[in-house]
């Protein structure tokens, strides 16, 4: 691993352009870790009255991001008051135990696990024990 990193760094430096040299300089000058501190640069915002300001503290940056990503709802709704909505779609049919079993049997038994980290072979071998639980969940 260390050898691969060293080779990658050497290859990067050998093919570096003038801009890349300055980037490499920043990599070398800055510490390897930052102790878990966020590295969000100074934010520049324009207030509603048109004045620009800079935000430096993490609390102010968090508030600025919150205001930008989750704005307050408008004072008045843009939906017409007496809008005639279409009929809702019917509920899908319930999932059956046979459908779950079919899908689990189709899984490749030794493929890499998904986000739940449960190997497919375990689902296949333990299906009779967990079928009712899966049916309830799904």
C-alpha atoms as a PDB file:
ATOM      1  CA  UNK A   1       0.000   0.000   0.000  1.00  0.00           C
ATOM      2  CA  UNK A   2       2.758   2.437   0.960  1.00  0.00           C
ATOM      3  CA  UNK A   3       4.711   1.519  -2.155  1.00  0.00           C
ATOM      4  CA  UNK A   4       1.642   2.098  -4.355  1.00  0.00           C
ATOM      5  CA  UNK A   5       1.057   5.524  -2.796  1.00  0.00           C
ATOM      6  CA  UNK A   6       4.712   6.481  -3.271  1.00  0.00           C
ATOM      7  CA  UNK A   7       4.634   5.359  -6.936  1.00  0.00           C
ATOM      8  CA  UNK A   8       1.396   7.261  -7.572  1.00  0.00           C
ATOM      9  CA  UNK A   9       2.857  10.418  -6.001  1.00  0.00           C
ATOM     10  CA  UNK A  10       6.067  10.088  -8.046  1.00  0.00           C
ATOM     11  CA  UNK A  11       4.093   9.578 -11.272  1.00  0.00           C
ATOM     12  CA  UNK A  12       1.934  12.593 -10.423  1.00  0.00           C
ATOM     13  CA  UNK A  13       4.947  14.825  -9.815  1.00  0.00           C
ATOM     14  CA  UNK A  14       6.763  13.672 -12.962  1.00  0.00           C
ATOM     15  CA  UNK A  15       3.793  14.576 -15.156  1.00  0.00           C
ATOM     16  CA  UNK A  16       2.877  17.741 -13.240  1.00  0.00           C
ATOM     17  CA  UNK A  17       2.156  21.042 -14.967  1.00  0.00           C
ATOM     18  CA  UNK A  18       2.952  24.421 -13.422  1.00  0.00           C
ATOM     19  CA  UNK A  19      -0.469  24.523 -11.732  1.00  0.00           C
ATOM     20  CA  UNK A  20      -0.032  20.980 -10.450  1.00  0.00           C
ATOM     21  CA  UNK A  21       3.239  21.957  -8.754  1.00  0.00           C
ATOM     22  CA  UNK A  22       1.402  24.556  -6.677  1.00  0.00           C
ATOM     23  CA  UNK A  23      -1.284  22.009  -5.809  1.00  0.00           C
ATOM     24  CA  UNK A  24       1.403  19.542  -4.731  1.00  0.00           C
ATOM     25  CA  UNK A  25       2.970  22.307  -2.633  1.00  0.00           C
ATOM     26  CA  UNK A  26      -0.352  22.792  -0.822  1.00  0.00           C
ATOM     27  CA  UNK A  27      -0.547  19.030  -0.176  1.00  0.00           C
ATOM     28  CA  UNK A  28       2.930  19.015   1.347  1.00  0.00           C
ATOM     29  CA  UNK A  29       2.500  22.201   3.419  1.00  0.00           C
ATOM     30  CA  UNK A  30      -0.854  21.310   4.982  1.00  0.00           C
ATOM     31  CA  UNK A  31      -0.952  18.742   7.762  1.00  0.00           C
ATOM     32  CA  UNK A  32      -1.988  15.202   6.888  1.00  0.00           C
ATOM     33  CA  UNK A  33      -5.037  15.316   9.145  1.00  0.00           C
ATOM     34  CA  UNK A  34      -7.113  18.148  10.449  1.00  0.00           C
ATOM     35  CA  UNK A  35      -8.352  16.494  13.599  1.00  0.00           C
ATOM     36  CA  UNK A  36     -11.807  15.997  12.151  1.00  0.00           C
ATOM     37  CA  UNK A  37     -12.427  19.692  11.681  1.00  0.00           C
ATOM     38  CA  UNK A  38     -14.507  20.613   8.661  1.00  0.00           C
ATOM     39  CA  UNK A  39     -12.674  22.476   5.938  1.00  0.00           C
ATOM     40  CA  UNK A  40     -15.338  24.701   4.498  1.00  0.00           C
ATOM     41  CA  UNK A  41     -13.775  27.837   3.040  1.00  0.00           C
ATOM     42  CA  UNK A  42     -14.964  31.311   3.932  1.00  0.00           C
ATOM     43  CA  UNK A  43     -18.397  31.824   2.437  1.00  0.00           C
ATOM     44  CA  UNK A  44     -19.338  35.034   0.663  1.00  0.00           C
ATOM     45  CA  UNK A  45     -23.027  35.930   0.887  1.00  0.00           C
ATOM     46  CA  UNK A  46     -25.093  38.788  -0.440  1.00  0.00           C
ATOM     47  CA  UNK A  47     -27.654  40.130   2.033  1.00  0.00           C
ATOM     48  CA  UNK A  48     -31.185  41.002   0.869  1.00  0.00           C
ATOM     49  CA  UNK A  49     -30.190  44.687   0.845  1.00  0.00           C
ATOM     50  CA  UNK A  50     -27.365  43.928  -1.636  1.00  0.00           C
ATOM     51  CA  UNK A  51     -24.403  44.155   0.722  1.00  0.00           C
ATOM     52  CA  UNK A  52     -21.813  41.383   0.566  1.00  0.00           C
ATOM     53  CA  UNK A  53     -20.400  39.756   3.678  1.00  0.00           C
ATOM     54  CA  UNK A  54     -18.053  36.923   4.567  1.00  0.00           C
ATOM     55  CA  UNK A  55     -18.876  34.078   6.932  1.00  0.00           C
ATOM     56  CA  UNK A  56     -16.035  32.436   8.850  1.00  0.00           C
ATOM     57  CA  UNK A  57     -17.456  30.554  11.845  1.00  0.00           C
ATOM     58  CA  UNK A  58     -18.829  27.040  11.581  1.00  0.00           C
ATOM     59  CA  UNK A  59     -22.119  28.025  13.244  1.00  0.00           C
ATOM     60  CA  UNK A  60     -22.686  30.832  10.731  1.00  0.00           C
ATOM     61  CA  UNK A  61     -21.741  28.531   7.830  1.00  0.00           C
ATOM     62  CA  UNK A  62     -24.167  25.870   9.090  1.00  0.00           C
ATOM     63  CA  UNK A  63     -26.958  28.453   9.292  1.00  0.00           C
ATOM     64  CA  UNK A  64     -26.158  29.719   5.784  1.00  0.00           C
ATOM     65  CA  UNK A  65     -26.286  26.181   4.364  1.00  0.00           C
ATOM     66  CA  UNK A  66     -29.504  25.460   6.269  1.00  0.00           C
ATOM     67  CA  UNK A  67     -31.132  28.626   4.917  1.00  0.00           C
ATOM     68  CA  UNK A  68     -29.981  27.830   1.363  1.00  0.00           C
ATOM     69  CA  UNK A  69     -30.991  24.152   1.310  1.00  0.00           C
ATOM     70  CA  UNK A  70     -34.160  24.439   3.419  1.00  0.00           C
ATOM     71  CA  UNK A  71     -35.760  27.825   2.674  1.00  0.00           C
ATOM     72  CA  UNK A  72     -38.867  28.915   4.549  1.00  0.00           C
ATOM     73  CA  UNK A  73     -42.158  28.125   2.764  1.00  0.00           C
ATOM     74  CA  UNK A  74     -43.747  30.986   0.836  1.00  0.00           C
ATOM     75  CA  UNK A  75     -46.325  33.227   2.557  1.00  0.00           C
ATOM     76  CA  UNK A  76     -49.027  32.265   0.063  1.00  0.00           C
ATOM     77  CA  UNK A  77     -49.489  28.917  -1.645  1.00  0.00           C
ATOM     78  CA  UNK A  78     -49.196  28.650  -5.416  1.00  0.00           C
ATOM     79  CA  UNK A  79     -51.754  25.806  -5.483  1.00  0.00           C
ATOM     80  CA  UNK A  80     -55.244  26.959  -6.508  1.00  0.00           C
ATOM     81  CA  UNK A  81     -57.713  26.941  -3.606  1.00  0.00           C
ATOM     82  CA  UNK A  82     -60.327  24.700  -5.250  1.00  0.00           C
ATOM     83  CA  UNK A  83     -58.023  22.436  -7.267  1.00  0.00           C
ATOM     84  CA  UNK A  84     -59.721  19.285  -8.552  1.00  0.00           C
ATOM     85  CA  UNK A  85     -57.281  16.460  -7.843  1.00  0.00           C
ATOM     86  CA  UNK A  86     -57.502  13.227  -9.882  1.00  0.00           C
ATOM     87  CA  UNK A  87     -58.589  10.019  -8.222  1.00  0.00           C
ATOM     88  CA  UNK A  88     -55.753   8.393  -6.268  1.00  0.00           C
ATOM     89  CA  UNK A  89     -54.207   5.235  -7.649  1.00  0.00           C
ATOM     90  CA  UNK A  90     -55.355   1.981  -6.053  1.00  0.00           C
ATOM     91  CA  UNK A  91     -53.112   0.348  -3.481  1.00  0.00           C
ATOM     92  CA  UNK A  92     -50.749  -2.236  -4.964  1.00  0.00           C
ATOM     93  CA  UNK A  93     -51.613  -5.860  -4.236  1.00  0.00           C
ATOM     94  CA  UNK A  94     -50.014  -7.269  -1.090  1.00  0.00           C
ATOM     95  CA  UNK A  95     -46.666  -9.025  -1.437  1.00  0.00           C
ATOM     96  CA  UNK A  96     -46.882 -12.775  -1.026  1.00  0.00           C
ATOM     97  CA  UNK A  97     -44.516 -15.227   0.595  1.00  0.00           C
ATOM     98  CA  UNK A  98     -44.069 -16.911  -2.801  1.00  0.00           C
ATOM     99  CA  UNK A  99     -42.920 -13.636  -4.391  1.00  0.00           C
ATOM    100  CA  UNK A 100     -40.311 -13.124  -1.672  1.00  0.00           C
ATOM    101  CA  UNK A 101     -39.114 -16.709  -1.996  1.00  0.00           C
ATOM    102  CA  UNK A 102     -38.860 -16.404  -5.788  1.00  0.00           C
ATOM    103  CA  UNK A 103     -36.708 -13.282  -5.519  1.00  0.00           C
ATOM    104  CA  UNK A 104     -34.447 -14.745  -2.833  1.00  0.00           C
ATOM    105  CA  UNK A 105     -33.924 -17.952  -4.820  1.00  0.00           C
ATOM    106  CA  UNK A 106     -32.930 -15.859  -7.875  1.00  0.00           C
ATOM    107  CA  UNK A 107     -30.071 -14.179  -5.970  1.00  0.00           C
ATOM    108  CA  UNK A 108     -26.519 -15.261  -6.752  1.00  0.00           C
ATOM    109  CA  UNK A 109     -25.561 -17.069  -3.541  1.00  0.00           C
ATOM    110  CA  UNK A 110     -21.961 -15.877  -3.220  1.00  0.00           C
ATOM    111  CA  UNK A 111     -22.206 -12.379  -4.627  1.00  0.00           C
ATOM    112  CA  UNK A 112     -21.018  -9.480  -2.481  1.00  0.00           C
ATOM    113  CA  UNK A 113     -23.417  -8.383   0.252  1.00  0.00           C
ATOM    114  CA  UNK A 114     -25.478  -5.244  -0.082  1.00  0.00           C
ATOM    115  CA  UNK A 115     -25.735  -2.394   2.442  1.00  0.00           C
ATOM    116  CA  UNK A 116     -27.326  -4.733   4.998  1.00  0.00           C
ATOM    117  CA  UNK A 117     -24.184  -6.946   4.829  1.00  0.00           C
ATOM    118  CA  UNK A 118     -26.303 -10.129   4.850  1.00  0.00           C
ATOM    119  CA  UNK A 119     -24.841 -12.662   2.397  1.00  0.00           C
ATOM    120  CA  UNK A 120     -27.346 -13.959  -0.157  1.00  0.00           C
ATOM    121  CA  UNK A 121     -26.551 -17.550   0.779  1.00  0.00           C
ATOM    122  CA  UNK A 122     -27.704 -16.863   4.350  1.00  0.00           C
ATOM    123  CA  UNK A 123     -31.036 -15.519   3.075  1.00  0.00           C
ATOM    124  CA  UNK A 124     -31.450 -18.579   0.887  1.00  0.00           C
ATOM    125  CA  UNK A 125     -30.538 -21.153   3.537  1.00  0.00           C
ATOM    126  CA  UNK A 126     -32.540 -19.453   6.330  1.00  0.00           C
ATOM    127  CA  UNK A 127     -35.591 -18.539   4.241  1.00  0.00           C
ATOM    128  CA  UNK A 128     -37.951 -20.929   6.053  1.00  0.00           C
ATOM    129  CA  UNK A 129     -36.961 -19.363   9.390  1.00  0.00           C
ATOM    130  CA  UNK A 130     -37.187 -15.718   8.316  1.00  0.00           C
ATOM    131  CA  UNK A 131     -39.984 -15.816   5.716  1.00  0.00           C
ATOM    132  CA  UNK A 132     -42.729 -14.619   8.060  1.00  0.00           C
ATOM    133  CA  UNK A 133     -40.544 -11.764   9.316  1.00  0.00           C
ATOM    134  CA  UNK A 134     -39.681 -10.656   5.794  1.00  0.00           C
ATOM    135  CA  UNK A 135     -43.344 -10.846   4.794  1.00  0.00           C
ATOM    136  CA  UNK A 136     -44.258  -8.620   7.730  1.00  0.00           C
ATOM    137  CA  UNK A 137     -41.507  -6.114   6.894  1.00  0.00           C
ATOM    138  CA  UNK A 138     -42.344  -5.974   3.198  1.00  0.00           C
END
